[in-house]
């Protein structure tokens, strides 16, 4: 399979906001008996890019809620901001 043409690579590099199409969660133990660390791997535009975030536990809990309440999520690569679309509050 041939590499992408330079013009196509340049366009992809200029994209600043991508849709989050999948999220992988991870927790790891830092040291025995100490609090662990959470991370989320954001899969952007079906694998066009990936980005990992490492929020503190309280933020990870809030993010899990937002991930489940929003059908569409975007990530601004330049500003490192998650943008949640319409949020369904349930009922």
N, C-alpha and C. Protein backbone atom coordinates (compact mmCIF):
# COMPACT_ATOMS: atom_id res chain seq x y z
N UNK A 1 0.85 -1.18 0.00
CA UNK A 1 0.00 0.00 0.00
C UNK A 1 0.90 1.25 0.00
N UNK A 2 0.66 2.16 -0.89
CA UNK A 2 1.48 3.36 -1.03
C UNK A 2 1.18 4.36 0.07
N UNK A 3 2.21 5.17 0.39
CA UNK A 3 2.01 6.25 1.36
C UNK A 3 1.08 7.30 0.78
N UNK A 4 0.49 8.09 1.68
CA UNK A 4 -0.41 9.15 1.23
C UNK A 4 0.41 10.25 0.56
N UNK A 5 -0.16 10.91 -0.44
CA UNK A 5 0.52 12.03 -1.08
C UNK A 5 0.76 13.15 -0.07
N UNK A 6 1.78 13.95 -0.31
CA UNK A 6 2.16 15.03 0.60
C UNK A 6 1.00 16.00 0.84
N UNK A 7 0.25 16.33 -0.21
CA UNK A 7 -0.88 17.26 -0.07
C UNK A 7 -1.92 16.71 0.90
N UNK A 8 -2.21 15.41 0.82
CA UNK A 8 -3.20 14.80 1.72
C UNK A 8 -2.68 14.79 3.16
N UNK A 9 -1.40 14.49 3.35
CA UNK A 9 -0.82 14.53 4.71
C UNK A 9 -0.89 15.93 5.28
N UNK A 10 -0.62 16.96 4.45
CA UNK A 10 -0.68 18.35 4.92
C UNK A 10 -2.08 18.72 5.37
N UNK A 11 -3.09 18.30 4.61
CA UNK A 11 -4.48 18.59 4.98
C UNK A 11 -4.79 17.93 6.32
N UNK A 12 -4.41 16.67 6.50
CA UNK A 12 -4.68 15.97 7.76
C UNK A 12 -3.99 16.65 8.93
N UNK A 13 -2.79 17.17 8.73
CA UNK A 13 -2.08 17.85 9.80
C UNK A 13 -2.73 19.18 10.16
N UNK A 14 -3.47 19.78 9.24
CA UNK A 14 -4.13 21.06 9.49
C UNK A 14 -5.44 20.90 10.25
N UNK A 15 -5.96 19.69 10.32
CA UNK A 15 -7.22 19.47 11.03
C UNK A 15 -6.96 19.66 12.52
N UNK A 16 -7.69 20.56 13.13
CA UNK A 16 -7.48 20.88 14.54
C UNK A 16 -8.51 20.24 15.45
N UNK A 17 -9.72 19.96 14.92
CA UNK A 17 -10.78 19.36 15.73
C UNK A 17 -11.20 18.06 15.05
N UNK A 18 -11.19 16.99 15.82
CA UNK A 18 -11.55 15.68 15.29
C UNK A 18 -12.64 15.06 16.16
N UNK A 19 -13.44 14.21 15.55
CA UNK A 19 -14.48 13.52 16.31
C UNK A 19 -13.87 12.35 17.07
N UNK A 20 -14.28 12.22 18.33
CA UNK A 20 -13.88 11.07 19.14
C UNK A 20 -14.79 9.91 18.73
N UNK A 21 -14.22 8.88 18.13
CA UNK A 21 -15.03 7.76 17.66
C UNK A 21 -14.94 6.55 18.58
N UNK A 22 -13.99 6.55 19.52
CA UNK A 22 -13.89 5.47 20.50
C UNK A 22 -13.05 5.97 21.66
N UNK A 23 -13.29 5.41 22.83
CA UNK A 23 -12.52 5.75 24.04
C UNK A 23 -12.12 4.46 24.73
N UNK A 24 -10.84 4.32 25.03
CA UNK A 24 -10.35 3.18 25.79
C UNK A 24 -9.91 3.69 27.16
N UNK A 25 -10.42 3.07 28.21
CA UNK A 25 -10.08 3.48 29.58
C UNK A 25 -9.00 2.58 30.14
N UNK A 26 -8.16 3.14 31.01
CA UNK A 26 -7.09 2.39 31.63
C UNK A 26 -6.87 2.91 33.06
N UNK A 27 -6.50 2.01 33.93
CA UNK A 27 -6.10 2.37 35.29
C UNK A 27 -4.83 1.59 35.59
N UNK A 28 -3.85 2.24 36.19
CA UNK A 28 -2.66 1.51 36.58
C UNK A 28 -2.23 1.86 37.99
N UNK A 29 -1.67 0.87 38.66
CA UNK A 29 -1.18 1.03 40.02
C UNK A 29 0.18 1.70 39.96
N UNK A 30 0.34 2.78 40.70
CA UNK A 30 1.63 3.47 40.73
C UNK A 30 2.58 2.76 41.70
N UNK A 31 2.09 2.49 42.90
CA UNK A 31 2.85 1.70 43.86
C UNK A 31 1.87 1.01 44.79
N UNK A 32 2.28 -0.10 45.34
CA UNK A 32 1.40 -0.92 46.18
C UNK A 32 0.77 -0.08 47.29
N UNK A 33 -0.57 -0.10 47.36
CA UNK A 33 -1.31 0.60 48.41
C UNK A 33 -1.54 2.08 48.14
N UNK A 34 -0.95 2.64 47.09
CA UNK A 34 -1.12 4.06 46.76
C UNK A 34 -2.23 4.20 45.72
N UNK A 35 -2.83 5.37 45.63
CA UNK A 35 -3.84 5.58 44.60
C UNK A 35 -3.25 5.35 43.21
N UNK A 36 -4.06 4.83 42.31
CA UNK A 36 -3.62 4.59 40.94
C UNK A 36 -3.87 5.79 40.06
N UNK A 37 -3.58 5.62 38.79
CA UNK A 37 -3.78 6.69 37.82
C UNK A 37 -4.70 6.21 36.71
N UNK A 38 -5.63 7.07 36.32
CA UNK A 38 -6.54 6.78 35.21
C UNK A 38 -6.01 7.43 33.94
N UNK A 39 -6.32 6.81 32.82
CA UNK A 39 -6.06 7.45 31.53
C UNK A 39 -7.15 7.02 30.55
N UNK A 40 -7.40 7.88 29.60
CA UNK A 40 -8.34 7.59 28.52
C UNK A 40 -7.60 7.80 27.21
N UNK A 41 -7.64 6.79 26.35
CA UNK A 41 -7.08 6.91 25.01
C UNK A 41 -8.24 7.28 24.10
N UNK A 42 -8.14 8.46 23.51
CA UNK A 42 -9.17 8.94 22.60
C UNK A 42 -8.80 8.51 21.18
N UNK A 43 -9.68 7.77 20.54
CA UNK A 43 -9.50 7.38 19.15
C UNK A 43 -10.26 8.43 18.33
N UNK A 44 -9.55 9.13 17.48
CA UNK A 44 -10.11 10.26 16.75
C UNK A 44 -10.32 9.91 15.29
N UNK A 45 -11.50 10.23 14.78
CA UNK A 45 -11.86 9.99 13.37
C UNK A 45 -11.48 8.57 12.93
N UNK A 46 -11.98 7.59 13.69
CA UNK A 46 -11.80 6.17 13.36
C UNK A 46 -10.33 5.77 13.20
N UNK A 47 -9.46 6.35 14.02
CA UNK A 47 -8.05 5.96 14.01
C UNK A 47 -7.14 6.89 13.24
N UNK A 48 -7.65 7.98 12.69
CA UNK A 48 -6.78 8.92 11.97
C UNK A 48 -5.72 9.49 12.92
N UNK A 49 -6.11 9.65 14.20
CA UNK A 49 -5.18 10.09 15.23
C UNK A 49 -5.64 9.50 16.55
N UNK A 50 -4.74 9.53 17.53
CA UNK A 50 -5.06 9.11 18.90
C UNK A 50 -4.47 10.13 19.84
N UNK A 51 -5.10 10.26 21.00
CA UNK A 51 -4.58 11.18 22.01
C UNK A 51 -4.93 10.61 23.38
N UNK A 52 -4.00 10.62 24.31
CA UNK A 52 -4.24 10.11 25.66
C UNK A 52 -4.36 11.26 26.64
N UNK A 53 -5.37 11.17 27.51
CA UNK A 53 -5.51 12.15 28.59
C UNK A 53 -5.39 11.40 29.92
N UNK A 54 -4.89 12.07 30.96
CA UNK A 54 -4.69 11.45 32.27
C UNK A 54 -5.30 12.33 33.36
N UNK A 55 -6.61 12.26 33.49
CA UNK A 55 -7.28 13.11 34.48
C UNK A 55 -7.14 12.54 35.90
N UNK A 56 -7.25 13.41 36.92
CA UNK A 56 -7.34 12.89 38.29
C UNK A 56 -8.65 12.11 38.45
N UNK A 57 -8.74 11.30 39.50
CA UNK A 57 -9.88 10.39 39.71
C UNK A 57 -11.23 11.12 39.65
N UNK A 58 -11.33 12.29 40.29
CA UNK A 58 -12.60 13.02 40.30
C UNK A 58 -13.00 13.44 38.88
N UNK A 59 -12.03 13.89 38.10
CA UNK A 59 -12.32 14.29 36.72
C UNK A 59 -12.65 13.06 35.86
N UNK A 60 -11.98 11.94 36.12
CA UNK A 60 -12.25 10.71 35.36
C UNK A 60 -13.70 10.27 35.58
N UNK A 61 -14.17 10.39 36.81
CA UNK A 61 -15.56 10.03 37.12
C UNK A 61 -16.53 10.93 36.35
N UNK A 62 -16.27 12.23 36.35
CA UNK A 62 -17.13 13.17 35.62
C UNK A 62 -17.06 12.90 34.11
N UNK A 63 -15.87 12.61 33.59
CA UNK A 63 -15.73 12.32 32.17
C UNK A 63 -16.51 11.06 31.78
N UNK A 64 -16.47 10.03 32.62
CA UNK A 64 -17.24 8.81 32.33
C UNK A 64 -18.72 9.14 32.18
N UNK A 65 -19.23 10.01 33.06
CA UNK A 65 -20.63 10.43 32.96
C UNK A 65 -20.88 11.16 31.64
N UNK A 66 -20.01 12.10 31.32
CA UNK A 66 -20.18 12.88 30.08
C UNK A 66 -20.06 11.99 28.84
N UNK A 67 -19.11 11.04 28.84
CA UNK A 67 -18.97 10.12 27.71
C UNK A 67 -20.27 9.35 27.48
N UNK A 68 -20.91 8.92 28.58
CA UNK A 68 -22.13 8.12 28.43
C UNK A 68 -23.36 8.96 28.10
N UNK A 69 -23.34 10.26 28.40
CA UNK A 69 -24.50 11.11 28.16
C UNK A 69 -24.47 11.82 26.81
N UNK A 70 -23.35 11.76 26.10
CA UNK A 70 -23.23 12.50 24.85
C UNK A 70 -23.03 11.54 23.68
N UNK A 71 -23.82 11.74 22.63
CA UNK A 71 -23.69 10.89 21.45
C UNK A 71 -22.50 11.29 20.60
N UNK A 72 -22.18 12.58 20.58
CA UNK A 72 -21.09 13.08 19.74
C UNK A 72 -20.10 13.86 20.59
N UNK A 73 -18.81 13.51 20.44
CA UNK A 73 -17.75 14.16 21.19
C UNK A 73 -16.66 14.54 20.21
N UNK A 74 -16.10 15.73 20.38
CA UNK A 74 -15.00 16.20 19.56
C UNK A 74 -13.81 16.51 20.47
N UNK A 75 -12.63 16.47 19.88
CA UNK A 75 -11.42 16.84 20.62
C UNK A 75 -10.65 17.86 19.80
N UNK A 76 -10.39 19.01 20.41
CA UNK A 76 -9.61 20.07 19.77
C UNK A 76 -8.14 19.80 20.06
N UNK A 77 -7.41 19.35 19.05
CA UNK A 77 -6.01 18.98 19.22
C UNK A 77 -5.12 20.16 19.57
N UNK A 78 -5.45 21.33 19.07
CA UNK A 78 -4.62 22.51 19.32
C UNK A 78 -4.78 23.01 20.76
N UNK A 79 -6.01 23.05 21.23
CA UNK A 79 -6.27 23.59 22.58
C UNK A 79 -6.37 22.52 23.66
N UNK A 80 -6.39 21.22 23.24
CA UNK A 80 -6.51 20.08 24.15
C UNK A 80 -7.81 20.15 24.94
N UNK A 81 -8.93 20.34 24.20
CA UNK A 81 -10.25 20.49 24.81
C UNK A 81 -11.20 19.43 24.28
N UNK A 82 -11.91 18.75 25.18
CA UNK A 82 -12.99 17.84 24.80
C UNK A 82 -14.25 18.68 24.64
N UNK A 83 -14.98 18.46 23.55
CA UNK A 83 -16.21 19.20 23.27
C UNK A 83 -17.32 18.17 23.17
N UNK A 84 -18.28 18.27 24.08
CA UNK A 84 -19.39 17.32 24.09
C UNK A 84 -20.57 17.92 23.35
N UNK A 85 -21.16 17.10 22.45
CA UNK A 85 -22.34 17.53 21.71
C UNK A 85 -23.53 17.58 22.65
N UNK A 86 -24.70 17.42 22.10
CA UNK A 86 -25.92 17.43 22.90
C UNK A 86 -25.82 16.38 23.98
N UNK A 87 -26.10 16.77 25.20
CA UNK A 87 -26.02 15.86 26.34
C UNK A 87 -27.42 15.43 26.72
N UNK A 88 -27.62 14.12 26.76
CA UNK A 88 -28.90 13.56 27.15
C UNK A 88 -28.90 13.34 28.66
N UNK A 89 -29.82 13.99 29.34
CA UNK A 89 -29.88 13.89 30.79
C UNK A 89 -30.73 12.71 31.26
N UNK A 90 -31.21 11.92 30.33
CA UNK A 90 -32.02 10.75 30.73
C UNK A 90 -33.39 11.18 31.17
N UNK A 91 -34.06 10.26 31.78
CA UNK A 91 -35.38 10.70 32.21
C UNK A 91 -36.17 9.67 32.92
